[in-house]
Amino acid sequence: MRNHNLTSLFAAGWFACLLFAGSVTAQDGSLFLQPSQSAKGLTLENSSFLYRTLPPEARPRELQLHDIITVLVDFRSKFLSEGDAESRKTASLTGILADWIKLDGGSLKPATQSDGDPTVSGSLNSQFRAEADVELSDSLTFRIAVQIVDIRPNGNLVIEGHLTIRNNEEQWRISLTGEVRREAIQADRTVSSDAITNLDIDKEELGQVHDGYARGWMGRIYDRYRPF
C-alpha cells in the first residue's frame, strides 16, 4: 500500500512538470549574463541579493550651515633646546699727548708741557659664559561640539565652538575655531583636530587653583623687562 502511494505521488509530480513546462523557468544567479547590468556596470544595488535602499529619514543628510559636529582634540608637543655661549675680550689702551698748542699774540704756537707729556693707559679683560637647557612637553585632550558658521566656495566648512564649565569657584573656558574639509568628517559627524586648518584653541582657567600658581602683576612686569 505504501509503495502504491509513492508511485502515485511520483506520477503526479511528473504530470505537473509536463503541464507547466512552457511557463516555468529556473532561477539564474549569474551576475554576468544580464545585459542591463553589464551595460551600466556592477554595483551593490544591482548585484547584491541583500541590498535594501535606506528610507529617507535614515539616510545621512548633507552638512549645512549651523549644523553641529564634534571635534576630537588630541594635541601633543615636545620641545627641546640646548644652548652654550662663551665670550672673551681682552683690550689695552695707551694714549700720550706729545704736543699741545697755545694762543700767543693772536698766533698759535707750540706749548711745552712742564710736567711732561700727559699719558693715559688702561686695560680691559672680560669673560662671559652662559649655558641654557629648555625642555617643554604639552598635552591637551578633550571633545567639543562646534557649529558650522560658514561654507567656503570650495566646500570647506568654517567651524566655531565654545565650552564653559563651572564647578563651585573653578571655571574653565574653551574656544575652538578653524576650517575643515567635508571629506575629513566621519559618518558619525566627528573630526580629528589634525584635519583642521587655521586651528585656534583658547583655554582659560579661573578660580582658586589658578590664583594659587598665577604670577602677580609685578612679577609679570619683572619677567618681561628683566632690569637685572
Protein backbone atom coordinates (compact mmCIF):
# COMPACT_ATOMS: atom_id res chain seq x y z
CA MET A 1 0.00 0.00 0.00
CA ARG A 2 2.86 2.35 0.86
CA ASN A 3 4.66 1.67 -2.45
CA HIS A 4 1.46 2.32 -4.34
CA ASN A 5 1.13 5.80 -2.70
CA LEU A 6 4.73 6.74 -3.54
CA THR A 7 4.23 5.70 -7.16
CA SER A 8 1.08 7.82 -7.38
CA LEU A 9 2.86 10.91 -5.94
CA PHE A 10 5.80 10.49 -8.33
CA ALA A 11 3.45 10.22 -11.32
CA ALA A 12 1.54 13.31 -10.19
CA GLY A 13 4.81 15.29 -9.95
CA TRP A 14 5.85 14.38 -13.49
CA PHE A 15 2.39 15.30 -14.76
CA ALA A 16 2.62 18.74 -13.11
CA CYS A 17 6.06 19.36 -14.66
CA LEU A 18 4.77 18.46 -18.12
CA LEU A 19 1.69 20.64 -17.62
CA PHE A 20 3.61 23.79 -16.68
CA ALA A 21 6.77 23.19 -18.72
CA GLY A 22 6.03 26.10 -21.01
CA SER A 23 5.78 28.71 -18.21
CA VAL A 24 8.23 27.57 -15.54
CA THR A 25 11.90 28.69 -15.74
CA ALA A 26 14.80 28.11 -13.37
CA GLN A 27 16.38 30.99 -11.42
CA ASP A 28 19.63 32.30 -12.91
CA GLY A 29 22.02 33.52 -10.21
CA SER A 30 24.73 34.67 -12.61
CA LEU A 31 25.70 38.36 -12.49
CA PHE A 32 27.39 38.38 -15.90
CA LEU A 33 24.57 37.26 -18.24
CA GLN A 34 22.24 40.21 -17.65
CA PRO A 35 22.65 42.75 -20.46
CA SER A 36 21.17 45.62 -18.47
CA GLN A 37 23.74 45.19 -15.69
CA SER A 38 26.72 44.70 -17.98
CA ALA A 39 25.81 47.89 -19.82
CA LYS A 40 25.99 50.14 -16.75
CA GLY A 41 28.43 48.04 -14.67
CA LEU A 42 28.02 46.07 -11.49
CA THR A 43 27.07 47.98 -8.37
CA LEU A 44 25.95 47.00 -4.90
CA GLU A 45 22.40 47.94 -5.85
CA ASN A 46 22.11 45.66 -8.88
CA SER A 47 24.40 42.82 -7.77
CA SER A 48 23.58 42.10 -4.11
CA PHE A 49 20.64 39.92 -3.06
CA LEU A 50 20.70 41.58 0.40
CA TYR A 51 20.80 45.23 -0.71
CA ARG A 52 17.98 47.40 0.55
CA THR A 53 17.57 51.11 -0.06
CA LEU A 54 17.53 53.13 3.17
CA PRO A 55 14.42 55.19 3.85
CA PRO A 56 14.85 58.97 3.51
CA GLU A 57 14.84 59.53 7.28
CA ALA A 58 17.73 57.07 7.76
CA ARG A 59 20.00 58.47 5.03
CA PRO A 60 22.89 60.74 6.11
CA ARG A 61 21.99 64.36 5.46
CA GLU A 62 24.37 66.73 3.70
CA LEU A 63 26.09 69.09 6.13
CA GLN A 64 24.57 72.54 6.08
CA LEU A 65 25.01 75.90 7.74
CA HIS A 66 24.54 75.84 11.55
CA ASP A 67 24.82 72.03 11.71
CA ILE A 68 26.72 70.67 14.73
CA ILE A 69 29.72 68.33 14.55
CA THR A 70 32.12 67.02 17.22
CA VAL A 71 35.85 67.80 17.22
CA LEU A 72 38.22 65.32 18.87
CA VAL A 73 41.18 67.34 20.11
CA ASP A 74 44.36 65.37 20.81
CA PHE A 75 47.28 67.80 20.80
CA ARG A 76 50.75 66.73 21.91
CA SER A 77 54.01 68.61 21.53
CA LYS A 78 57.57 68.29 22.80
CA PHE A 79 60.30 70.87 22.50
CA LEU A 80 63.96 70.54 23.49
CA SER A 81 66.55 73.28 23.15
CA GLU A 82 70.14 73.47 24.38
CA GLY A 83 72.45 76.47 24.23
CA ASP A 84 76.05 77.21 25.18
CA ALA A 85 77.70 80.60 24.72
CA GLU A 86 81.19 81.81 25.66
CA SER A 87 82.82 85.17 25.01
CA ARG A 88 86.21 86.57 25.98
CA LYS A 89 87.55 90.06 25.40
CA THR A 90 91.00 91.47 26.15
CA ALA A 91 91.93 95.06 25.30
CA SER A 92 94.67 97.53 26.26
CA LEU A 93 94.87 101.27 25.62
CA THR A 94 97.78 103.67 25.94
CA GLY A 95 97.47 107.35 24.96
CA ILE A 96 100.21 110.05 25.12
CA LEU A 97 99.64 113.74 24.42
CA ALA A 98 103.02 114.65 22.92
CA ASP A 99 102.28 118.17 21.61
CA TRP A 100 99.93 120.92 22.60
CA ILE A 101 99.24 124.44 21.37
CA LYS A 102 98.72 127.87 22.92
CA LEU A 103 97.48 131.26 21.70
CA ASP A 104 100.19 133.94 21.85
CA GLY A 105 99.54 137.41 20.41
CA GLY A 106 96.85 136.15 18.10
CA SER A 107 99.04 133.36 16.81
CA LEU A 108 99.07 129.67 17.60
CA LYS A 109 102.34 128.43 18.99
CA PRO A 110 103.53 125.11 20.45
CA ALA A 111 103.02 124.80 24.19
CA THR A 112 105.57 122.96 26.18
CA GLN A 113 104.46 120.62 28.95
CA SER A 114 106.42 121.47 32.04
CA ASP A 115 105.36 118.30 33.85
CA GLY A 116 105.91 116.01 30.91
CA ASP A 117 103.55 114.64 28.28
CA PRO A 118 100.15 113.60 29.68
CA THR A 119 99.69 109.86 29.40
CA VAL A 120 96.55 107.74 29.63
CA SER A 121 96.68 103.97 29.76
CA GLY A 122 94.23 101.24 30.61
CA SER A 123 93.38 97.57 30.03
CA LEU A 124 90.14 95.57 29.74
CA ASN A 125 89.74 91.86 30.33
CA SER A 126 86.21 90.42 30.30
CA GLN A 127 84.87 86.88 30.12
CA PHE A 128 81.23 85.75 29.61
CA ARG A 129 79.87 82.21 29.66
CA ALA A 130 76.24 81.06 29.62
CA GLU A 131 74.55 77.66 29.42
CA ALA A 132 70.82 77.08 28.98
CA ASP A 133 68.63 73.98 28.65
CA VAL A 134 64.90 74.18 27.87
CA GLU A 135 62.56 71.19 27.63
CA LEU A 136 58.81 71.62 27.17
CA SER A 137 56.13 68.94 26.89
CA ASP A 138 52.43 69.76 26.38
CA SER A 139 49.32 67.59 26.08
CA LEU A 140 45.71 68.63 25.52
CA THR A 141 42.86 66.14 25.02
CA PHE A 142 39.12 66.85 25.01
CA ARG A 143 35.93 66.71 22.91
CA ILE A 144 33.91 69.76 21.93
CA ALA A 145 30.78 70.29 19.84
CA VAL A 146 31.16 73.05 17.25
CA GLN A 147 28.81 74.73 14.79
CA ILE A 148 29.26 75.32 11.06
CA VAL A 149 29.28 79.11 10.80
CA ASP A 150 30.28 79.47 7.15
CA ILE A 151 30.72 77.43 3.96
CA ARG A 152 33.56 78.39 1.60
CA PRO A 153 33.05 78.47 -2.19
CA ASN A 154 35.23 75.33 -2.48
CA GLY A 155 33.05 73.45 0.04
CA ASN A 156 35.27 73.78 3.10
CA LEU A 157 33.47 74.34 6.39
CA VAL A 158 34.31 77.08 8.88
CA ILE A 159 33.59 75.85 12.41
CA GLU A 160 33.37 77.57 15.78
CA GLY A 161 32.52 76.32 19.26
CA HIS A 162 32.69 77.45 22.88
CA LEU A 163 32.61 75.44 26.10
CA THR A 164 32.26 76.75 29.67
CA ILE A 165 32.39 74.53 32.78
CA ARG A 166 31.80 75.85 36.28
CA ASN A 167 32.46 73.84 39.43
CA ASN A 168 32.00 75.94 42.58
CA GLU A 169 34.73 78.58 42.33
CA GLU A 170 36.56 76.88 39.46
CA GLN A 171 35.78 77.75 35.86
CA TRP A 172 37.15 76.50 32.54
CA ARG A 173 36.56 78.26 29.23
CA ILE A 174 37.48 76.63 25.92
CA SER A 175 37.01 78.14 22.46
CA LEU A 176 37.84 76.49 19.13
CA THR A 177 37.77 77.84 15.57
CA GLY A 178 39.13 76.53 12.29
CA GLU A 179 38.40 75.30 8.76
CA VAL A 180 37.92 71.67 7.70
CA ARG A 181 37.18 69.73 4.51
CA ARG A 182 33.85 67.95 4.19
CA GLU A 183 35.65 64.70 3.32
CA ALA A 184 37.51 64.74 6.66
CA ILE A 185 34.27 64.50 8.66
CA GLN A 186 33.31 60.91 9.56
CA ALA A 187 29.87 59.35 9.16
CA ASP A 188 29.11 59.96 12.86
CA ARG A 189 29.90 63.66 12.35
CA THR A 190 33.20 63.63 14.21
CA VAL A 191 36.51 65.02 13.01
CA SER A 192 40.04 64.93 14.41
CA SER A 193 41.79 68.17 15.22
CA ASP A 194 44.69 67.11 12.98
CA ALA A 195 42.44 67.63 9.93
CA ILE A 196 41.55 71.24 10.84
CA THR A 197 43.50 74.09 9.28
CA ASN A 198 43.91 77.51 10.91
CA LEU A 199 43.13 75.77 14.19
CA ASP A 200 42.79 78.21 17.10
CA ILE A 201 42.24 76.80 20.60
CA ASP A 202 41.88 79.18 23.55
CA LYS A 203 41.80 77.55 27.01
CA GLU A 204 41.37 79.71 30.11
CA GLU A 205 41.20 78.72 33.77
CA LEU A 206 39.71 80.83 36.54
CA GLY A 207 39.34 80.15 40.24
CA GLN A 208 41.26 79.40 43.41
CA VAL A 209 43.55 76.80 41.86
CA HIS A 210 44.58 79.19 39.10
CA ASP A 211 45.16 82.01 41.58
CA GLY A 212 47.47 79.74 43.58
CA TYR A 213 50.08 79.41 40.83
CA ALA A 214 49.40 82.56 38.76
CA ARG A 215 52.04 85.31 38.71
CA GLY A 216 51.25 88.73 40.14
CA TRP A 217 51.35 91.88 38.04
CA MET A 218 54.72 92.89 39.49
CA GLY A 219 56.21 89.51 38.64
CA ARG A 220 54.90 89.72 35.08
CA ILE A 221 56.47 93.16 34.62
CA TYR A 222 59.76 91.98 36.06
CA ASP A 223 59.86 88.85 33.90
CA ARG A 224 59.01 90.88 30.80
CA TYR A 225 61.69 93.55 31.09
CA ARG A 226 64.24 91.87 33.43
CA PRO A 227 66.16 95.00 34.57
CA PHE A 228 68.84 92.82 36.24
